[in-house]
Amino acid sequence: MFDSEPKDSQVGETWQRFVQGVLGLLALIGALVMAHYYAPPETASLEQQVHQLSRQVEDLERQGAFSPAAVDDARGSVAYIYGVYRVSGDARTPPIHARVAGTGFIVAPGLLATNRHVAEPWYGDREAAIALRHGASPVLEKLEAYFPGSPLPVVLQPVVVAKHGDLAVLRIQPTAFTEKLRPLPLAPAPPHVGEPITVLAYPMGVTGMVAKSPAAVYERLSLHQDDAGTAGELAALSLIRPSATFGHIGDVSGDKLIYDAPTARGGSGGPVLNTRGEVVGINAAYLDGFSGGTLGIAVSNLVPLVEKAKRTPAETPGNSR
């Protein structure tokens, strides 16, 4: 009777040790499972993830919209261009007298870039082309630029006009105001398809600017037929201001850019900017009825014209590339 008690105690102790061992083993297995699924990554893997995330953030920043401050800074270098020209010849060809509106931007100190069909408005004009083939002569009666912040226009003089292509560089009448204008930087490489862009221009010319003006100014100027007079009043009221439209590069074909930033008549010659504020192209035309059909010319075609214009003395402007 007394011998059985120690045996029961020994059995109890044995089972206790067994249960504790099993529980300890289960705890160890659980810890290993938790460590496998929830342990932090190794240092090398963590650094790789951080690098990848940083690269993704940089890509998102590059693809982000132009900041308002950057747009405003570039706006000051973008001018509204207004001109008057005539093409006249003999009695066989009726004279042509017309106006032109466009956009230009500072590309170097004292120099402004735009389209050829703005600097020489008869370029691309079918009626003018017929008259010119019959011996008529074109005359540029007036070509002026209105810059944001300036109450007065400045006279423009064509310096270099591309023989092949819709580009031109003009000289700006030197004034205390124009000497302070900042040239827009030119992009060193072409844009990529899908890259965000901003177009600064004057779509619809003075009509577009009047439409954006305060109600009292709009009521007074909306019925004016004199574009030059209207532009003068807008300048005096500090209402010369290019519009900014945003889009993406849809295609790059040689020296042609296709993008979906909307524009209209008067927007020709405006700078096409990337998100770094660099000029990647010059706005040239748009296709009616096709929302993704705004056309521009790659800035690489402009660079040699600018270099030639820099070497051309002011008193002897050239007229070819």
C-alpha atoms as a PDB file:
ATOM      1  CA  MET A   1       0.000   0.000   0.000  1.00  0.00           C
ATOM      2  CA  PHE A   2       2.809   2.290   0.849  1.00  0.00           C
ATOM      3  CA  ASP A   3       4.818   1.170  -2.218  1.00  0.00           C
ATOM      4  CA  SER A   4       2.201   2.394  -4.686  1.00  0.00           C
ATOM      5  CA  GLU A   5       2.374   6.078  -3.724  1.00  0.00           C
ATOM      6  CA  PRO A   6       5.868   6.734  -5.011  1.00  0.00           C
ATOM      7  CA  LYS A   7       4.998   4.962  -8.233  1.00  0.00           C
ATOM      8  CA  ASP A   8       2.001   7.275  -8.817  1.00  0.00           C
ATOM      9  CA  SER A   9       4.178  10.283  -8.059  1.00  0.00           C
ATOM     10  CA  GLN A  10       6.813   9.152 -10.488  1.00  0.00           C
ATOM     11  CA  VAL A  11       4.206   8.623 -13.202  1.00  0.00           C
ATOM     12  CA  GLY A  12       2.737  12.065 -12.551  1.00  0.00           C
ATOM     13  CA  GLU A  13       6.125  13.675 -12.771  1.00  0.00           C
ATOM     14  CA  THR A  14       6.846  11.775 -15.980  1.00  0.00           C
ATOM     15  CA  TRP A  15       3.598  12.929 -17.611  1.00  0.00           C
ATOM     16  CA  GLN A  16       4.218  16.463 -16.417  1.00  0.00           C
ATOM     17  CA  ARG A  17       7.672  16.473 -18.005  1.00  0.00           C
ATOM     18  CA  PHE A  18       6.196  14.960 -21.184  1.00  0.00           C
ATOM     19  CA  VAL A  19       3.445  17.566 -21.440  1.00  0.00           C
ATOM     20  CA  GLN A  20       5.919  20.390 -20.782  1.00  0.00           C
ATOM     21  CA  GLY A  21       8.176  19.001 -23.484  1.00  0.00           C
ATOM     22  CA  VAL A  22       5.332  18.817 -25.979  1.00  0.00           C
ATOM     23  CA  LEU A  23       4.218  22.358 -25.146  1.00  0.00           C
ATOM     24  CA  GLY A  24       7.778  23.582 -25.479  1.00  0.00           C
ATOM     25  CA  LEU A  25       8.117  21.869 -28.849  1.00  0.00           C
ATOM     26  CA  LEU A  26       4.839  23.394 -30.047  1.00  0.00           C
ATOM     27  CA  ALA A  27       5.993  26.815 -28.872  1.00  0.00           C
ATOM     28  CA  LEU A  28       9.263  26.384 -30.751  1.00  0.00           C
ATOM     29  CA  ILE A  29       7.446  25.311 -33.915  1.00  0.00           C
ATOM     30  CA  GLY A  30       5.083  28.278 -33.596  1.00  0.00           C
ATOM     31  CA  ALA A  31       7.990  30.648 -33.140  1.00  0.00           C
ATOM     32  CA  LEU A  32       9.691  29.250 -36.221  1.00  0.00           C
ATOM     33  CA  VAL A  33       6.485  29.629 -38.248  1.00  0.00           C
ATOM     34  CA  MET A  34       6.019  33.207 -37.044  1.00  0.00           C
ATOM     35  CA  ALA A  35       9.631  34.011 -37.823  1.00  0.00           C
ATOM     36  CA  HIS A  36       9.267  32.587 -41.322  1.00  0.00           C
ATOM     37  CA  TYR A  37       6.171  34.614 -42.221  1.00  0.00           C
ATOM     38  CA  TYR A  38       6.616  37.793 -40.198  1.00  0.00           C
ATOM     39  CA  ALA A  39      10.327  38.320 -39.844  1.00  0.00           C
ATOM     40  CA  PRO A  40      11.591  41.608 -41.384  1.00  0.00           C
ATOM     41  CA  PRO A  41      13.429  41.276 -44.737  1.00  0.00           C
ATOM     42  CA  GLU A  42      17.147  41.089 -44.892  1.00  0.00           C
ATOM     43  CA  THR A  43      19.061  44.365 -45.128  1.00  0.00           C
ATOM     44  CA  ALA A  44      19.959  43.877 -48.803  1.00  0.00           C
ATOM     45  CA  SER A  45      16.326  43.167 -49.713  1.00  0.00           C
ATOM     46  CA  LEU A  46      15.124  46.211 -47.750  1.00  0.00           C
ATOM     47  CA  GLU A  47      17.630  48.493 -49.478  1.00  0.00           C
ATOM     48  CA  GLN A  48      16.488  47.152 -52.848  1.00  0.00           C
ATOM     49  CA  GLN A  49      12.851  47.907 -52.025  1.00  0.00           C
ATOM     50  CA  VAL A  50      13.718  51.421 -50.845  1.00  0.00           C
ATOM     51  CA  HIS A  51      15.673  52.059 -54.043  1.00  0.00           C
ATOM     52  CA  GLN A  52      12.767  50.793 -56.151  1.00  0.00           C
ATOM     53  CA  LEU A  53      10.265  52.971 -54.284  1.00  0.00           C
ATOM     54  CA  SER A  54      12.525  56.005 -54.634  1.00  0.00           C
ATOM     55  CA  ARG A  55      12.767  55.430 -58.361  1.00  0.00           C
ATOM     56  CA  GLN A  56       8.973  55.146 -58.591  1.00  0.00           C
ATOM     57  CA  VAL A  57       8.549  58.418 -56.678  1.00  0.00           C
ATOM     58  CA  GLU A  58      11.000  60.159 -59.011  1.00  0.00           C
ATOM     59  CA  ASP A  59       9.071  58.855 -62.016  1.00  0.00           C
ATOM     60  CA  LEU A  60       5.815  60.141 -60.556  1.00  0.00           C
ATOM     61  CA  GLU A  61       7.383  63.542 -59.899  1.00  0.00           C
ATOM     62  CA  ARG A  62       8.671  63.709 -63.469  1.00  0.00           C
ATOM     63  CA  GLN A  63       5.226  62.801 -64.751  1.00  0.00           C
ATOM     64  CA  GLY A  64       3.462  65.281 -62.490  1.00  0.00           C
ATOM     65  CA  ALA A  65       1.779  68.403 -63.777  1.00  0.00           C
ATOM     66  CA  PHE A  66       3.709  71.616 -64.144  1.00  0.00           C
ATOM     67  CA  SER A  67       3.631  73.566 -60.886  1.00  0.00           C
ATOM     68  CA  PRO A  68       1.730  76.890 -61.008  1.00  0.00           C
ATOM     69  CA  ALA A  69       4.906  78.769 -60.069  1.00  0.00           C
ATOM     70  CA  ALA A  70       6.825  77.226 -62.978  1.00  0.00           C
ATOM     71  CA  VAL A  71       4.031  78.069 -65.420  1.00  0.00           C
ATOM     72  CA  ASP A  72       3.884  81.674 -64.219  1.00  0.00           C
ATOM     73  CA  ASP A  73       7.657  81.979 -64.467  1.00  0.00           C
ATOM     74  CA  ALA A  74       7.641  80.791 -68.088  1.00  0.00           C
ATOM     75  CA  ARG A  75       4.620  82.919 -69.047  1.00  0.00           C
ATOM     76  CA  GLY A  76       6.605  86.145 -68.836  1.00  0.00           C
ATOM     77  CA  SER A  77       8.761  85.051 -71.783  1.00  0.00           C
ATOM     78  CA  VAL A  78       5.833  84.222 -74.085  1.00  0.00           C
ATOM     79  CA  ALA A  79       4.527  87.024 -76.322  1.00  0.00           C
ATOM     80  CA  TYR A  80       1.385  87.656 -78.308  1.00  0.00           C
ATOM     81  CA  ILE A  81       2.328  88.539 -81.901  1.00  0.00           C
ATOM     82  CA  TYR A  82       0.200  90.752 -84.107  1.00  0.00           C
ATOM     83  CA  GLY A  83       0.975  91.683 -87.693  1.00  0.00           C
ATOM     84  CA  VAL A  84      -0.404  93.146 -90.897  1.00  0.00           C
ATOM     85  CA  TYR A  85       0.765  92.197 -94.389  1.00  0.00           C
ATOM     86  CA  ARG A  86      -0.168  92.700 -97.996  1.00  0.00           C
ATOM     87  CA  VAL A  87       0.564  90.910-101.228  1.00  0.00           C
ATOM     88  CA  SER A  88       0.168  93.015-104.341  1.00  0.00           C
ATOM     89  CA  GLY A  89       1.090  92.661-107.980  1.00  0.00           C
ATOM     90  CA  ASP A  90      -0.301  93.645-111.365  1.00  0.00           C
ATOM     91  CA  ALA A  91      -3.918  93.949-112.481  1.00  0.00           C
ATOM     92  CA  ARG A  92      -4.235  90.179-112.978  1.00  0.00           C
ATOM     93  CA  THR A  93      -3.918  89.469-109.248  1.00  0.00           C
ATOM     94  CA  PRO A  94      -6.136  91.288-106.757  1.00  0.00           C
ATOM     95  CA  PRO A  95      -4.193  92.637-103.760  1.00  0.00           C
ATOM     96  CA  ILE A  96      -4.331  90.762-100.477  1.00  0.00           C
ATOM     97  CA  HIS A  97      -4.394  92.705 -97.229  1.00  0.00           C
ATOM     98  CA  ALA A  98      -4.622  90.609 -94.080  1.00  0.00           C
ATOM     99  CA  ARG A  99      -3.780  90.346 -90.403  1.00  0.00           C
ATOM    100  CA  VAL A 100      -1.905  87.647 -88.528  1.00  0.00           C
ATOM    101  CA  ALA A 101      -1.945  86.594 -84.897  1.00  0.00           C
ATOM    102  CA  GLY A 102       0.408  84.164 -83.231  1.00  0.00           C
ATOM    103  CA  THR A 103       2.686  83.376 -80.330  1.00  0.00           C
ATOM    104  CA  GLY A 104       6.426  83.612 -79.801  1.00  0.00           C
ATOM    105  CA  PHE A 105       8.863  83.044 -76.959  1.00  0.00           C
ATOM    106  CA  ILE A 106      12.268  84.328 -75.898  1.00  0.00           C
ATOM    107  CA  VAL A 107      14.895  81.862 -77.040  1.00  0.00           C
ATOM    108  CA  ALA A 108      18.039  83.956 -76.470  1.00  0.00           C
ATOM    109  CA  PRO A 109      18.742  87.541 -75.351  1.00  0.00           C
ATOM    110  CA  GLY A 110      17.051  89.808 -77.892  1.00  0.00           C
ATOM    111  CA  LEU A 111      15.694  86.908 -79.973  1.00  0.00           C
ATOM    112  CA  LEU A 112      12.216  85.420 -80.247  1.00  0.00           C
ATOM    113  CA  ALA A 113      11.206  82.114 -81.862  1.00  0.00           C
ATOM    114  CA  THR A 114       7.931  81.436 -83.644  1.00  0.00           C
ATOM    115  CA  ASN A 115       6.544  79.763 -86.764  1.00  0.00           C
ATOM    116  CA  ARG A 116       7.478  80.841 -90.253  1.00  0.00           C
ATOM    117  CA  HIS A 117       3.811  81.356 -91.095  1.00  0.00           C
ATOM    118  CA  VAL A 118       3.705  83.970 -88.298  1.00  0.00           C
ATOM    119  CA  ALA A 119       6.930  85.747 -89.284  1.00  0.00           C
ATOM    120  CA  GLU A 120       6.034  85.541 -92.998  1.00  0.00           C
ATOM    121  CA  PRO A 121       2.219  85.301 -92.919  1.00  0.00           C
ATOM    122  CA  TRP A 122       1.934  84.696 -96.660  1.00  0.00           C
ATOM    123  CA  TYR A 123       3.751  81.385 -96.163  1.00  0.00           C
ATOM    124  CA  GLY A 124       1.076  78.716 -96.406  1.00  0.00           C
ATOM    125  CA  ASP A 125      -1.582  81.196 -97.593  1.00  0.00           C
ATOM    126  CA  ARG A 126      -3.069  79.630-100.752  1.00  0.00           C
ATOM    127  CA  GLU A 127      -4.326  82.900-102.210  1.00  0.00           C
ATOM    128  CA  ALA A 128      -1.001  84.569-101.547  1.00  0.00           C
ATOM    129  CA  ALA A 129       0.843  81.635-103.116  1.00  0.00           C
ATOM    130  CA  ILE A 130      -1.124  82.076-106.348  1.00  0.00           C
ATOM    131  CA  ALA A 131      -0.403  85.804-106.383  1.00  0.00           C
ATOM    132  CA  LEU A 132       3.283  85.220-105.715  1.00  0.00           C
ATOM    133  CA  ARG A 133       3.496  82.775-108.631  1.00  0.00           C
ATOM    134  CA  HIS A 134       2.157  85.561-110.844  1.00  0.00           C
ATOM    135  CA  GLY A 135       4.874  87.956-109.752  1.00  0.00           C
ATOM    136  CA  ALA A 136       3.240  89.631-106.755  1.00  0.00           C
ATOM    137  CA  SER A 137       5.415  90.835-103.888  1.00  0.00           C
ATOM    138  CA  PRO A 138       4.743  90.379-100.153  1.00  0.00           C
ATOM    139  CA  VAL A 139       5.173  93.274 -97.743  1.00  0.00           C
ATOM    140  CA  LEU A 140       5.140  92.960 -93.966  1.00  0.00           C
ATOM    141  CA  GLU A 141       3.595  96.241 -92.858  1.00  0.00           C
ATOM    142  CA  LYS A 142       3.614  95.569 -89.128  1.00  0.00           C
ATOM    143  CA  LEU A 143       4.873  92.861 -86.789  1.00  0.00           C
ATOM    144  CA  GLU A 144       4.747  93.516 -83.050  1.00  0.00           C
ATOM    145  CA  ALA A 145       5.009  91.534 -79.834  1.00  0.00           C
ATOM    146  CA  TYR A 146       3.071  92.125 -76.631  1.00  0.00           C
ATOM    147  CA  PHE A 147       4.678  90.661 -73.511  1.00  0.00           C
ATOM    148  CA  PRO A 148       2.943  90.080 -70.167  1.00  0.00           C
ATOM    149  CA  GLY A 149       3.596  93.013 -67.865  1.00  0.00           C
ATOM    150  CA  SER A 150       4.543  95.482 -70.602  1.00  0.00           C
ATOM    151  CA  PRO A 151       2.102  98.323 -71.434  1.00  0.00           C
ATOM    152  CA  LEU A 152       3.606  98.779 -74.897  1.00  0.00           C
ATOM    153  CA  PRO A 153       4.381  96.448 -77.813  1.00  0.00           C
ATOM    154  CA  VAL A 154       7.856  95.986 -79.259  1.00  0.00           C
ATOM    155  CA  VAL A 155       8.723  95.824 -82.950  1.00  0.00           C
ATOM    156  CA  LEU A 156       9.850  92.488 -84.381  1.00  0.00           C
ATOM    157  CA  GLN A 157      12.237  91.984 -87.281  1.00  0.00           C
ATOM    158  CA  PRO A 158      12.669  88.584 -88.980  1.00  0.00           C
ATOM    159  CA  VAL A 159      16.310  87.516 -88.777  1.00  0.00           C
ATOM    160  CA  VAL A 160      16.422  83.871 -89.833  1.00  0.00           C
ATOM    161  CA  VAL A 161      13.580  82.004 -91.533  1.00  0.00           C
ATOM    162  CA  ALA A 162      13.834  78.296 -92.308  1.00  0.00           C
ATOM    163  CA  LYS A 163      13.886  77.478 -96.027  1.00  0.00           C
ATOM    164  CA  HIS A 164      12.241  74.143 -95.306  1.00  0.00           C
ATOM    165  CA  GLY A 165      10.070  74.000 -92.238  1.00  0.00           C
ATOM    166  CA  ASP A 166       7.720  76.232 -90.312  1.00  0.00           C
ATOM    167  CA  LEU A 167      10.202  77.989 -88.025  1.00  0.00           C
ATOM    168  CA  ALA A 168      11.641  81.480 -87.712  1.00  0.00           C
ATOM    169  CA  VAL A 169      13.726  83.576 -85.338  1.00  0.00           C
ATOM    170  CA  LEU A 170      13.032  87.295 -84.972  1.00  0.00           C
ATOM    171  CA  ARG A 171      14.909  90.140 -83.360  1.00  0.00           C
ATOM    172  CA  ILE A 172      13.172  92.105 -80.629  1.00  0.00           C
ATOM    173  CA  GLN A 173      13.299  95.876 -80.442  1.00  0.00           C
ATOM    174  CA  PRO A 174      15.668  96.500 -77.498  1.00  0.00           C
ATOM    175  CA  THR A 175      14.048  98.245 -74.544  1.00  0.00           C
ATOM    176  CA  ALA A 176      14.652  98.345 -70.812  1.00  0.00           C
ATOM    177  CA  PHE A 177      11.788  95.872 -70.450  1.00  0.00           C
ATOM    178  CA  THR A 178      12.883  93.350 -73.087  1.00  0.00           C
ATOM    179  CA  GLU A 179      16.436  93.261 -71.742  1.00  0.00           C
ATOM    180  CA  LYS A 180      15.083  91.666 -68.561  1.00  0.00           C
ATOM    181  CA  LEU A 181      13.190  88.886 -70.329  1.00  0.00           C
ATOM    182  CA  ARG A 182      14.399  85.375 -69.542  1.00  0.00           C
ATOM    183  CA  PRO A 183      15.106  82.973 -72.419  1.00  0.00           C
ATOM    184  CA  LEU A 184      13.344  79.644 -72.043  1.00  0.00           C
ATOM    185  CA  PRO A 185      15.786  76.704 -71.882  1.00  0.00           C
ATOM    186  CA  LEU A 186      15.822  74.283 -74.814  1.00  0.00           C
ATOM    187  CA  ALA A 187      15.598  70.568 -74.045  1.00  0.00           C
ATOM    188  CA  PRO A 188      18.784  68.634 -74.918  1.00  0.00           C
ATOM    189  CA  ALA A 189      16.845  65.512 -75.944  1.00  0.00           C
ATOM    190  CA  PRO A 190      13.516  64.785 -77.674  1.00  0.00           C
ATOM    191  CA  PRO A 191      10.458  63.930 -75.567  1.00  0.00           C
ATOM    192  CA  HIS A 192       9.170  60.396 -75.120  1.00  0.00           C
ATOM    193  CA  VAL A 193       5.725  59.116 -76.066  1.00  0.00           C
ATOM    194  CA  GLY A 194       3.450  59.534 -73.057  1.00  0.00           C
ATOM    195  CA  GLU A 195       5.502  62.351 -71.545  1.00  0.00           C
ATOM    196  CA  PRO A 196       3.424  65.183 -70.007  1.00  0.00           C
ATOM    197  CA  ILE A 197       3.723  68.573 -71.711  1.00  0.00           C
ATOM    198  CA  THR A 198       2.426  72.119 -71.315  1.00  0.00           C
ATOM    199  CA  VAL A 199       1.708  74.510 -74.188  1.00  0.00           C
ATOM    200  CA  LEU A 200       1.837  78.251 -73.509  1.00  0.00           C
ATOM    201  CA  ALA A 201       0.131  80.267 -76.227  1.00  0.00           C
ATOM    202  CA  TYR A 202      -2.552  82.792 -77.180  1.00  0.00           C
ATOM    203  CA  PRO A 203      -5.312  80.667 -78.745  1.00  0.00           C
ATOM    204  CA  MET A 204      -7.910  82.858 -80.472  1.00  0.00           C
ATOM    205  CA  GLY A 205      -5.595  85.876 -80.151  1.00  0.00           C
ATOM    206  CA  VAL A 206      -7.133  88.993 -78.622  1.00  0.00           C
ATOM    207  CA  THR A 207     -10.571  87.356 -78.703  1.00  0.00           C
ATOM    208  CA  GLY A 208      -9.345  84.714 -76.283  1.00  0.00           C
ATOM    209  CA  MET A 209      -7.745  87.286 -73.980  1.00  0.00           C
ATOM    210  CA  VAL A 210     -10.861  89.470 -73.975  1.00  0.00           C
ATOM    211  CA  ALA A 211     -12.950  86.413 -73.090  1.00  0.00           C
ATOM    212  CA  LYS A 212     -10.765  85.872 -69.992  1.00  0.00           C
ATOM    213  CA  SER A 213     -10.864  89.536 -68.925  1.00  0.00           C
ATOM    214  CA  PRO A 214     -12.991  90.979 -66.091  1.00  0.00           C
ATOM    215  CA  ALA A 215     -16.663  91.528 -66.892  1.00  0.00           C
ATOM    216  CA  ALA A 216     -16.394  95.311 -67.285  1.00  0.00           C
ATOM    217  CA  VAL A 217     -13.454  94.989 -69.692  1.00  0.00           C
ATOM    218  CA  TYR A 218     -15.178  92.210 -71.614  1.00  0.00           C
ATOM    219  CA  GLU A 219     -18.318  94.305 -72.109  1.00  0.00           C
ATOM    220  CA  ARG A 220     -16.252  97.217 -73.388  1.00  0.00           C
ATOM    221  CA  LEU A 221     -13.898  95.310 -75.701  1.00  0.00           C
ATOM    222  CA  SER A 222     -15.897  92.305 -76.898  1.00  0.00           C
ATOM    223  CA  LEU A 223     -17.362  94.185 -79.868  1.00  0.00           C
ATOM    224  CA  HIS A 224     -14.127  95.890 -80.943  1.00  0.00           C
ATOM    225  CA  GLN A 225     -13.034  95.107 -84.496  1.00  0.00           C
ATOM    226  CA  ASP A 226      -9.553  96.609 -84.173  1.00  0.00           C
ATOM    227  CA  ASP A 227      -7.219  93.862 -82.955  1.00  0.00           C
ATOM    228  CA  ALA A 228      -4.260  96.208 -82.560  1.00  0.00           C
ATOM    229  CA  GLY A 229      -6.312  98.689 -80.544  1.00  0.00           C
ATOM    230  CA  THR A 230      -7.752  95.912 -78.393  1.00  0.00           C
ATOM    231  CA  ALA A 231      -4.295  94.458 -77.753  1.00  0.00           C
ATOM    232  CA  GLY A 232      -3.077  97.916 -76.751  1.00  0.00           C
ATOM    233  CA  GLU A 233      -5.880  98.298 -74.212  1.00  0.00           C
ATOM    234  CA  LEU A 234      -5.279  94.825 -72.820  1.00  0.00           C
ATOM    235  CA  ALA A 235      -1.577  95.629 -72.455  1.00  0.00           C
ATOM    236  CA  ALA A 236      -2.339  98.894 -70.657  1.00  0.00           C
ATOM    237  CA  LEU A 237      -4.503  96.925 -68.200  1.00  0.00           C
ATOM    238  CA  SER A 238      -1.841  94.201 -67.734  1.00  0.00           C
ATOM    239  CA  LEU A 239      -4.181  91.615 -69.261  1.00  0.00           C
ATOM    240  CA  ILE A 240      -1.739  90.194 -71.806  1.00  0.00           C
ATOM    241  CA  ARG A 241      -1.318  86.648 -70.536  1.00  0.00           C
ATOM    242  CA  PRO A 242      -0.842  83.360 -72.403  1.00  0.00           C
ATOM    243  CA  SER A 243      -3.053  80.390 -71.680  1.00  0.00           C
ATOM    244  CA  ALA A 244      -1.583  77.127 -70.433  1.00  0.00           C
ATOM    245  CA  THR A 245      -2.977  73.863 -71.769  1.00  0.00           C
ATOM    246  CA  PHE A 246      -1.805  70.438 -70.690  1.00  0.00           C
ATOM    247  CA  GLY A 247      -1.505  67.083 -72.412  1.00  0.00           C
ATOM    248  CA  HIS A 248       0.813  64.239 -73.318  1.00  0.00           C
ATOM    249  CA  ILE A 249       3.048  63.386 -76.257  1.00  0.00           C
ATOM    250  CA  GLY A 250       1.099  60.976 -78.443  1.00  0.00           C
ATOM    251  CA  ASP A 251       3.762  60.323 -81.071  1.00  0.00           C
ATOM    252  CA  VAL A 252       7.198  61.457 -82.206  1.00  0.00           C
ATOM    253  CA  SER A 253       7.838  61.090 -85.933  1.00  0.00           C
ATOM    254  CA  GLY A 254      11.133  62.531 -87.084  1.00  0.00           C
ATOM    255  CA  ASP A 255      10.992  66.237 -86.297  1.00  0.00           C
ATOM    256  CA  LYS A 256       7.218  66.191 -85.765  1.00  0.00           C
ATOM    257  CA  LEU A 257       5.498  65.988 -82.392  1.00  0.00           C
ATOM    258  CA  ILE A 258       1.863  64.993 -81.919  1.00  0.00           C
ATOM    259  CA  TYR A 259       0.155  65.747 -78.605  1.00  0.00           C
ATOM    260  CA  ASP A 260      -3.301  66.246 -77.144  1.00  0.00           C
ATOM    261  CA  ALA A 261      -2.903  69.649 -75.465  1.00  0.00           C
ATOM    262  CA  PRO A 262      -5.690  71.725 -77.060  1.00  0.00           C
ATOM    263  CA  THR A 263      -4.967  74.890 -79.014  1.00  0.00           C
ATOM    264  CA  ALA A 264      -6.533  77.123 -81.672  1.00  0.00           C
ATOM    265  CA  ARG A 265      -5.740  79.871 -84.155  1.00  0.00           C
ATOM    266  CA  GLY A 266      -3.309  82.269 -82.499  1.00  0.00           C
ATOM    267  CA  GLY A 267      -1.481  79.481 -80.693  1.00  0.00           C
ATOM    268  CA  SER A 268       1.039  78.993 -83.502  1.00  0.00           C
ATOM    269  CA  GLY A 269       4.599  79.514 -82.320  1.00  0.00           C
ATOM    270  CA  GLY A 270       3.977  78.785 -78.657  1.00  0.00           C
ATOM    271  CA  PRO A 271       6.523  76.762 -76.672  1.00  0.00           C
ATOM    272  CA  VAL A 272       5.796  73.135 -75.830  1.00  0.00           C
ATOM    273  CA  LEU A 273       7.360  72.526 -72.412  1.00  0.00           C
ATOM    274  CA  ASN A 274       8.243  69.405 -70.480  1.00  0.00           C
ATOM    275  CA  THR A 275       7.797  69.185 -66.701  1.00  0.00           C
ATOM    276  CA  ARG A 276      11.305  70.593 -66.194  1.00  0.00           C
ATOM    277  CA  GLY A 277      10.323  73.795 -68.002  1.00  0.00           C
ATOM    278  CA  GLU A 278      12.427  73.011 -71.074  1.00  0.00           C
ATOM    279  CA  VAL A 279      11.167  73.660 -74.600  1.00  0.00           C
ATOM    280  CA  VAL A 280      10.750  70.350 -76.431  1.00  0.00           C
ATOM    281  CA  GLY A 281       8.844  71.745 -79.404  1.00  0.00           C
ATOM    282  CA  ILE A 282       7.163  74.680 -81.112  1.00  0.00           C
ATOM    283  CA  ASN A 283       3.393  74.574 -81.503  1.00  0.00           C
ATOM    284  CA  ALA A 284       2.571  74.665 -85.223  1.00  0.00           C
ATOM    285  CA  ALA A 285      -0.913  73.436 -86.168  1.00  0.00           C
ATOM    286  CA  TYR A 286      -3.956  71.499 -85.074  1.00  0.00           C
ATOM    287  CA  LEU A 287      -6.334  69.075 -86.744  1.00  0.00           C
ATOM    288  CA  ASP A 288     -10.028  69.963 -86.569  1.00  0.00           C
ATOM    289  CA  GLY A 289     -12.180  67.209 -85.125  1.00  0.00           C
ATOM    290  CA  PHE A 290      -9.276  65.219 -83.659  1.00  0.00           C
ATOM    291  CA  SER A 291      -8.674  65.859 -79.964  1.00  0.00           C
ATOM    292  CA  GLY A 292      -5.225  64.269 -80.035  1.00  0.00           C
ATOM    293  CA  GLY A 293      -4.091  66.031 -83.176  1.00  0.00           C
ATOM    294  CA  THR A 294      -2.082  69.072 -82.163  1.00  0.00           C
ATOM    295  CA  LEU A 295       1.150  69.261 -84.140  1.00  0.00           C
ATOM    296  CA  GLY A 296       4.491  70.694 -83.134  1.00  0.00           C
ATOM    297  CA  ILE A 297       8.037  70.866 -84.462  1.00  0.00           C
ATOM    298  CA  ALA A 298      10.884  69.344 -82.449  1.00  0.00           C
ATOM    299  CA  VAL A 299      13.128  71.928 -80.820  1.00  0.00           C
ATOM    300  CA  SER A 300      16.203  70.299 -82.396  1.00  0.00           C
ATOM    301  CA  ASN A 301      15.200  71.995 -85.668  1.00  0.00           C
ATOM    302  CA  LEU A 302      15.185  75.385 -83.959  1.00  0.00           C
ATOM    303  CA  VAL A 303      18.682  75.203 -82.465  1.00  0.00           C
ATOM    304  CA  PRO A 304      20.660  75.885 -85.706  1.00  0.00           C
ATOM    305  CA  LEU A 305      18.367  78.820 -86.529  1.00  0.00           C
ATOM    306  CA  VAL A 306      19.004  80.360 -83.130  1.00  0.00           C
ATOM    307  CA  GLU A 307      22.761  79.934 -83.508  1.00  0.00           C
ATOM    308  CA  LYS A 308      22.663  81.578 -86.935  1.00  0.00           C
ATOM    309  CA  ALA A 309      20.526  84.438 -85.610  1.00  0.00           C
ATOM    310  CA  LYS A 310      23.058  85.071 -82.842  1.00  0.00           C
ATOM    311  CA  ARG A 311      25.762  85.513 -85.489  1.00  0.00           C
ATOM    312  CA  THR A 312      23.638  87.768 -87.720  1.00  0.00           C
ATOM    313  CA  PRO A 313      24.210  91.505 -87.195  1.00  0.00           C
ATOM    314  CA  ALA A 314      21.089  93.452 -86.337  1.00  0.00           C
ATOM    315  CA  GLU A 315      21.409  95.762 -89.337  1.00  0.00           C
ATOM    316  CA  THR A 316      21.606  92.945 -91.904  1.00  0.00           C
ATOM    317  CA  PRO A 317      18.934  90.335 -91.152  1.00  0.00           C
ATOM    318  CA  GLY A 318      19.070  87.117 -93.111  1.00  0.00           C
ATOM    319  CA  ASN A 319      16.157  85.268 -94.601  1.00  0.00           C
ATOM    320  CA  SER A 320      17.265  81.674 -94.914  1.00  0.00           C
ATOM    321  CA  ARG A 321      18.492  78.769 -92.892  1.00  0.00           C
END
